[in-house]
Structures are given as structure tokens and as C-alpha cells.
Amino acid sequence: MVSDEVITGFGRTGTMFGFEHWGVKPDLIQYAKAITSGYFPLGGIGVSDEIAQTMEESGKPRMHAYTYSAHPTGCAVALAMLDIIEGEDFPGQAKKKGQAVTGWSPFSINDHPHVGDIRGLGMMCAVEYVKDPTTGEMFPPEDGIGARIHDETWPRNVQSSARRCLRFSTPDRHRRKNLG
């Protein structure tokens, strides 16, 4: 199993890595971005002990250089970020902030007739908008509802898909008082 932790890794979902929410143990983990908090490009791949042992025992040469791997400056930034992530408990902060967002009720959004679901893990949250919340029926694309919502939310720095939902994925350091 491969876990893509490029966006979900290093605390954003309320655990150090997103896969931890499901109690699985991936064979490979790919990560980037949050390992340096975006201050320097760096990415990497982690492998399970079993895969590492198999690779080592094969005796075959392997190439493992990538565009964003092993740069000394990137590694120094990553080590500093890991100290900060662990020292300031980013996963714990994200979990608390995410609970604030998913329990958030600005303008009585939970009671809005077109809110189908409010969901999230840590600081990755979404509000789904639907034509009929009872059935989950989506608005037809020709109604342009998603595009209209997108046009209104984009200037307010809120991402939305052109059809289905508003996404909240605020910076790790976002103050809770700004969440609602």
C-alpha cells in the first residue's frame, strides 16, 4: 500500500500522517511540502522495513535521486520543521482547530437548506452543497450554482470546487479565533 502524504502529512489532519486515522501501515509513504512548511522544496519516500530489507538483500544497484530530495538546505529546514511540528504539537492543534471548523456554524450554515455535509480531518475540512440534503442530489452543472459560489468565495480566500463543496485547509499556524 502506498500512502500519498504530500498534502495530509506532518500534522494537517490531526495525526502526524493521514493514514493513521485508519490504522493501516503503508509499505511506502511519499511526502513533500509540509516537511519544510513550504520554505524550501523537499520531498521524499519512506519505505517499510520489509521493502528496505528486500532492496538491500537484492544486491542490485538502485537509483533514488529525485528533483526535491536530499538537498542539504532542504534537509536542514526539514529537521527544524520537525522540531517545530513536534514541539508545538501541530497534530494536536490541527485536531482541535478542525473540530472548531466542523462544529462551526456561521450564519447557521448547518441549518442551510443546501448544506449536505460538513466534514473534515484536522485542518482539511469541507462543506458540501447540494440541491436536496435529504437525498444528497447535487445541483446540475447547468444551474451554475457551484460556479456562483466559487465566484463569491474565491475573493475571500476560500477554495471551492466549481460544483460540489467549499474546502477549508488553512495554514497550520492559523489562529483559532479566526476560524469562526
C-alpha atoms as a PDB file:
ATOM      1  CA  MET A   1       0.000   0.000   0.000  1.00  0.00           C
ATOM      2  CA  VAL A   2       1.219   3.496  -0.881  1.00  0.00           C
ATOM      3  CA  SER A   3       0.175   6.490   1.206  1.00  0.00           C
ATOM      4  CA  ASP A   4       0.411   9.871  -0.518  1.00  0.00           C
ATOM      5  CA  GLU A   5       1.093  12.262   2.373  1.00  0.00           C
ATOM      6  CA  VAL A   6       2.130  15.267   0.260  1.00  0.00           C
ATOM      7  CA  ILE A   7      -0.858  17.272   1.489  1.00  0.00           C
ATOM      8  CA  THR A   8      -2.002  15.261   4.511  1.00  0.00           C
ATOM      9  CA  GLY A   9       1.331  14.648   6.229  1.00  0.00           C
ATOM     10  CA  PHE A  10       3.045  16.307   9.174  1.00  0.00           C
ATOM     11  CA  GLY A  11       0.037  17.086  11.301  1.00  0.00           C
ATOM     12  CA  ARG A  12      -2.521  18.669   8.994  1.00  0.00           C
ATOM     13  CA  THR A  13      -5.233  16.044   9.598  1.00  0.00           C
ATOM     14  CA  GLY A  14      -4.869  15.843  13.390  1.00  0.00           C
ATOM     15  CA  THR A  15      -2.350  12.995  13.345  1.00  0.00           C
ATOM     16  CA  MET A  16       1.242  13.093  12.154  1.00  0.00           C
ATOM     17  CA  PHE A  17       0.207  11.325   8.926  1.00  0.00           C
ATOM     18  CA  GLY A  18      -3.222  10.962   7.357  1.00  0.00           C
ATOM     19  CA  PHE A  19      -3.066   7.173   7.109  1.00  0.00           C
ATOM     20  CA  GLU A  20      -3.022   6.924  10.915  1.00  0.00           C
ATOM     21  CA  HIS A  21      -6.761   7.697  11.009  1.00  0.00           C
ATOM     22  CA  TRP A  22      -7.481   4.277   9.514  1.00  0.00           C
ATOM     23  CA  GLY A  23      -4.993   2.180  11.494  1.00  0.00           C
ATOM     24  CA  VAL A  24      -3.163   0.997   8.387  1.00  0.00           C
ATOM     25  CA  LYS A  25       0.560   0.563   7.891  1.00  0.00           C
ATOM     26  CA  PRO A  26       1.599   1.513   4.344  1.00  0.00           C
ATOM     27  CA  ASP A  27       4.536  -0.053   2.536  1.00  0.00           C
ATOM     28  CA  LEU A  28       5.516   3.298   1.041  1.00  0.00           C
ATOM     29  CA  ILE A  29       4.902   6.873   2.153  1.00  0.00           C
ATOM     30  CA  GLN A  30       5.516   9.782  -0.174  1.00  0.00           C
ATOM     31  CA  TYR A  31       5.736  13.249   1.299  1.00  0.00           C
ATOM     32  CA  ALA A  32       6.686  16.827   0.452  1.00  0.00           C
ATOM     33  CA  LYS A  33       5.540  20.404   1.117  1.00  0.00           C
ATOM     34  CA  ALA A  34       4.816  20.314   4.871  1.00  0.00           C
ATOM     35  CA  ILE A  35       8.151  18.667   5.691  1.00  0.00           C
ATOM     36  CA  THR A  36       9.649  22.140   5.157  1.00  0.00           C
ATOM     37  CA  SER A  37       6.421  24.115   5.589  1.00  0.00           C
ATOM     38  CA  GLY A  38       6.966  25.258   2.012  1.00  0.00           C
ATOM     39  CA  TYR A  39      10.091  27.251   2.882  1.00  0.00           C
ATOM     40  CA  PHE A  40      12.283  25.057   0.681  1.00  0.00           C
ATOM     41  CA  PRO A  41      11.357  22.393  -1.889  1.00  0.00           C
ATOM     42  CA  LEU A  42      11.876  18.925  -0.469  1.00  0.00           C
ATOM     43  CA  GLY A  43      10.140  15.619  -0.942  1.00  0.00           C
ATOM     44  CA  GLY A  44      10.840  12.053  -0.047  1.00  0.00           C
ATOM     45  CA  ILE A  45       9.685   8.489   0.077  1.00  0.00           C
ATOM     46  CA  GLY A  46       9.667   6.319   3.175  1.00  0.00           C
ATOM     47  CA  VAL A  47       9.683   2.547   2.826  1.00  0.00           C
ATOM     48  CA  SER A  48       8.716  -0.193   5.265  1.00  0.00           C
ATOM     49  CA  ASP A  49      11.414  -2.303   6.896  1.00  0.00           C
ATOM     50  CA  GLU A  50      10.311  -5.240   4.736  1.00  0.00           C
ATOM     51  CA  ILE A  51      10.785  -3.330   1.484  1.00  0.00           C
ATOM     52  CA  ALA A  52      14.085  -1.840   2.650  1.00  0.00           C
ATOM     53  CA  GLN A  53      15.373  -5.303   3.567  1.00  0.00           C
ATOM     54  CA  THR A  54      14.267  -6.750   0.220  1.00  0.00           C
ATOM     55  CA  MET A  55      16.010  -3.934  -1.642  1.00  0.00           C
ATOM     56  CA  GLU A  56      19.168  -4.353   0.419  1.00  0.00           C
ATOM     57  CA  GLU A  57      19.267  -8.131   0.017  1.00  0.00           C
ATOM     58  CA  SER A  58      18.752  -7.951  -3.744  1.00  0.00           C
ATOM     59  CA  GLY A  59      22.285  -6.675  -4.177  1.00  0.00           C
ATOM     60  CA  LYS A  60      21.133  -4.755  -7.231  1.00  0.00           C
ATOM     61  CA  PRO A  61      22.065  -1.109  -7.679  1.00  0.00           C
ATOM     62  CA  ARG A  62      19.182   1.315  -7.457  1.00  0.00           C
ATOM     63  CA  MET A  63      18.638   4.919  -8.355  1.00  0.00           C
ATOM     64  CA  HIS A  64      16.940   7.005  -5.695  1.00  0.00           C
ATOM     65  CA  ALA A  65      17.698  10.612  -6.587  1.00  0.00           C
ATOM     66  CA  TYR A  66      14.808  12.956  -7.242  1.00  0.00           C
ATOM     67  CA  THR A  67      14.438  16.628  -8.029  1.00  0.00           C
ATOM     68  CA  TYR A  68      13.433  17.601  -4.493  1.00  0.00           C
ATOM     69  CA  SER A  69      15.381  15.082  -2.412  1.00  0.00           C
ATOM     70  CA  ALA A  70      18.469  15.267  -0.220  1.00  0.00           C
ATOM     71  CA  HIS A  71      19.393  18.916  -0.790  1.00  0.00           C
ATOM     72  CA  PRO A  72      21.394  19.937   2.302  1.00  0.00           C
ATOM     73  CA  THR A  73      19.450  23.172   2.807  1.00  0.00           C
ATOM     74  CA  GLY A  74      16.131  21.366   2.393  1.00  0.00           C
ATOM     75  CA  CYS A  75      17.192  18.716   4.898  1.00  0.00           C
ATOM     76  CA  ALA A  76      18.232  21.386   7.424  1.00  0.00           C
ATOM     77  CA  VAL A  77      14.878  23.138   7.015  1.00  0.00           C
ATOM     78  CA  ALA A  78      13.068  19.792   7.368  1.00  0.00           C
ATOM     79  CA  LEU A  79      14.871  18.982  10.612  1.00  0.00           C
ATOM     80  CA  ALA A  80      13.999  22.416  12.002  1.00  0.00           C
ATOM     81  CA  MET A  81      10.356  21.992  10.935  1.00  0.00           C
ATOM     82  CA  LEU A  82      10.148  18.556  12.553  1.00  0.00           C
ATOM     83  CA  ASP A  83      11.319  20.117  15.825  1.00  0.00           C
ATOM     84  CA  ILE A  84       8.612  22.781  15.498  1.00  0.00           C
ATOM     85  CA  ILE A  85       5.888  20.327  14.410  1.00  0.00           C
ATOM     86  CA  GLU A  86       6.620  18.073  17.378  1.00  0.00           C
ATOM     87  CA  GLY A  87       7.422  20.841  19.883  1.00  0.00           C
ATOM     88  CA  GLU A  88       4.270  22.824  19.157  1.00  0.00           C
ATOM     89  CA  ASP A  89       2.138  19.705  18.662  1.00  0.00           C
ATOM     90  CA  PHE A  90       0.861  20.564  15.186  1.00  0.00           C
ATOM     91  CA  PRO A  91      -1.209  17.350  15.018  1.00  0.00           C
ATOM     92  CA  GLY A  92      -2.957  18.176  18.307  1.00  0.00           C
ATOM     93  CA  GLN A  93      -3.512  21.783  17.253  1.00  0.00           C
ATOM     94  CA  ALA A  94      -4.944  20.680  13.897  1.00  0.00           C
ATOM     95  CA  LYS A  95      -7.297  18.242  15.595  1.00  0.00           C
ATOM     96  CA  LYS A  96      -8.672  20.953  17.913  1.00  0.00           C
ATOM     97  CA  LYS A  97      -8.934  23.534  15.131  1.00  0.00           C
ATOM     98  CA  GLY A  98     -10.619  21.035  12.829  1.00  0.00           C
ATOM     99  CA  GLN A  99     -13.203  20.261  15.489  1.00  0.00           C
ATOM    100  CA  ALA A 100     -13.850  24.007  15.730  1.00  0.00           C
ATOM    101  CA  VAL A 101     -14.351  24.225  11.945  1.00  0.00           C
ATOM    102  CA  THR A 102     -16.586  21.164  11.581  1.00  0.00           C
ATOM    103  CA  GLY A 103     -18.668  22.317  14.549  1.00  0.00           C
ATOM    104  CA  TRP A 104     -18.667  25.883  13.238  1.00  0.00           C
ATOM    105  CA  SER A 105     -21.993  27.484  12.483  1.00  0.00           C
ATOM    106  CA  PRO A 106     -21.536  30.890  10.850  1.00  0.00           C
ATOM    107  CA  PHE A 107     -24.809  32.236   9.525  1.00  0.00           C
ATOM    108  CA  SER A 108     -26.425  28.988  10.777  1.00  0.00           C
ATOM    109  CA  ILE A 109     -24.706  27.133   7.940  1.00  0.00           C
ATOM    110  CA  ASN A 110     -25.610  23.764   9.468  1.00  0.00           C
ATOM    111  CA  ASP A 111     -29.269  24.678   9.018  1.00  0.00           C
ATOM    112  CA  HIS A 112     -28.906  25.990   5.472  1.00  0.00           C
ATOM    113  CA  PRO A 113     -31.270  24.144   3.112  1.00  0.00           C
ATOM    114  CA  HIS A 114     -28.458  23.377   0.684  1.00  0.00           C
ATOM    115  CA  VAL A 115     -25.752  22.116   3.051  1.00  0.00           C
ATOM    116  CA  GLY A 116     -25.430  18.382   2.590  1.00  0.00           C
ATOM    117  CA  ASP A 117     -22.480  17.634   4.823  1.00  0.00           C
ATOM    118  CA  ILE A 118     -19.796  19.322   6.890  1.00  0.00           C
ATOM    119  CA  ARG A 119     -16.802  17.020   7.246  1.00  0.00           C
ATOM    120  CA  GLY A 120     -13.122  17.025   7.874  1.00  0.00           C
ATOM    121  CA  LEU A 121      -9.998  15.642   9.442  1.00  0.00           C
ATOM    122  CA  GLY A 122      -7.939  18.168  11.349  1.00  0.00           C
ATOM    123  CA  MET A 123      -7.416  21.242   9.191  1.00  0.00           C
ATOM    124  CA  MET A 124      -8.729  19.656   5.996  1.00  0.00           C
ATOM    125  CA  CYS A 125     -12.460  20.370   6.058  1.00  0.00           C
ATOM    126  CA  ALA A 126     -15.288  20.762   3.560  1.00  0.00           C
ATOM    127  CA  VAL A 127     -18.863  21.999   3.383  1.00  0.00           C
ATOM    128  CA  GLU A 128     -20.776  20.158   0.680  1.00  0.00           C
ATOM    129  CA  TYR A 129     -23.621  21.981  -1.024  1.00  0.00           C
ATOM    130  CA  VAL A 130     -26.473  20.002  -2.530  1.00  0.00           C
ATOM    131  CA  LYS A 131     -29.810  20.613  -4.198  1.00  0.00           C
ATOM    132  CA  ASP A 132     -31.572  18.254  -1.791  1.00  0.00           C
ATOM    133  CA  PRO A 133     -29.843  17.381   1.507  1.00  0.00           C
ATOM    134  CA  THR A 134     -32.296  14.542   2.173  1.00  0.00           C
ATOM    135  CA  THR A 135     -31.333  12.621  -0.966  1.00  0.00           C
ATOM    136  CA  GLY A 136     -27.868  14.110  -1.488  1.00  0.00           C
ATOM    137  CA  GLU A 137     -28.863  15.155  -5.015  1.00  0.00           C
ATOM    138  CA  MET A 138     -26.296  17.555  -6.457  1.00  0.00           C
ATOM    139  CA  PHE A 139     -27.129  20.720  -8.321  1.00  0.00           C
ATOM    140  CA  PRO A 140     -26.992  20.116 -12.082  1.00  0.00           C
ATOM    141  CA  PRO A 141     -23.920  21.777 -13.636  1.00  0.00           C
ATOM    142  CA  GLU A 142     -26.120  23.849 -15.939  1.00  0.00           C
ATOM    143  CA  ASP A 143     -27.566  25.639 -12.867  1.00  0.00           C
ATOM    144  CA  GLY A 144     -24.140  27.173 -12.311  1.00  0.00           C
ATOM    145  CA  ILE A 145     -24.550  27.110  -8.506  1.00  0.00           C
ATOM    146  CA  GLY A 146     -21.036  25.858  -7.865  1.00  0.00           C
ATOM    147  CA  ALA A 147     -19.555  28.488 -10.174  1.00  0.00           C
ATOM    148  CA  ARG A 148     -21.545  31.247  -8.455  1.00  0.00           C
ATOM    149  CA  ILE A 149     -20.428  30.097  -5.014  1.00  0.00           C
ATOM    150  CA  HIS A 150     -16.860  29.864  -6.284  1.00  0.00           C
ATOM    151  CA  ASP A 151     -17.044  33.422  -7.650  1.00  0.00           C
ATOM    152  CA  GLU A 152     -18.214  34.693  -4.244  1.00  0.00           C
ATOM    153  CA  THR A 153     -15.812  32.704  -2.072  1.00  0.00           C
ATOM    154  CA  TRP A 154     -12.590  32.950  -4.090  1.00  0.00           C
ATOM    155  CA  PRO A 155     -12.043  36.679  -3.309  1.00  0.00           C
ATOM    156  CA  ARG A 156     -12.445  35.748   0.366  1.00  0.00           C
ATOM    157  CA  ASN A 157      -9.606  33.185   0.100  1.00  0.00           C
ATOM    158  CA  VAL A 158     -11.954  30.207   0.394  1.00  0.00           C
ATOM    159  CA  GLN A 159     -11.437  27.474  -2.185  1.00  0.00           C
ATOM    160  CA  SER A 160     -14.401  25.768  -3.724  1.00  0.00           C
ATOM    161  CA  SER A 161     -14.821  23.242  -6.447  1.00  0.00           C
ATOM    162  CA  ALA A 162     -16.911  24.525  -9.307  1.00  0.00           C
ATOM    163  CA  ARG A 163     -19.637  22.044  -8.449  1.00  0.00           C
ATOM    164  CA  ARG A 164     -19.668  20.364  -5.032  1.00  0.00           C
ATOM    165  CA  CYS A 165     -18.083  21.934  -1.964  1.00  0.00           C
ATOM    166  CA  LEU A 166     -16.161  24.603  -0.109  1.00  0.00           C
ATOM    167  CA  ARG A 167     -12.794  23.382   1.108  1.00  0.00           C
ATOM    168  CA  PHE A 168     -11.026  24.699   4.164  1.00  0.00           C
ATOM    169  CA  SER A 169      -7.373  23.841   4.522  1.00  0.00           C
ATOM    170  CA  THR A 170      -5.968  26.734   6.469  1.00  0.00           C
ATOM    171  CA  PRO A 171      -2.294  27.176   7.316  1.00  0.00           C
ATOM    172  CA  ASP A 172      -1.094  25.179  10.311  1.00  0.00           C
ATOM    173  CA  ARG A 173      -0.432  28.389  12.218  1.00  0.00           C
ATOM    174  CA  HIS A 174      -3.920  29.851  11.658  1.00  0.00           C
ATOM    175  CA  ARG A 175      -5.288  31.289  14.897  1.00  0.00           C
ATOM    176  CA  ARG A 176      -8.379  29.588  16.240  1.00  0.00           C
ATOM    177  CA  LYS A 177     -10.116  32.942  16.816  1.00  0.00           C
ATOM    178  CA  ASN A 178     -10.022  33.465  13.030  1.00  0.00           C
ATOM    179  CA  LEU A 179     -11.891  30.224  12.359  1.00  0.00           C
ATOM    180  CA  GLY A 180     -15.302  31.402  13.430  1.00  0.00           C
END
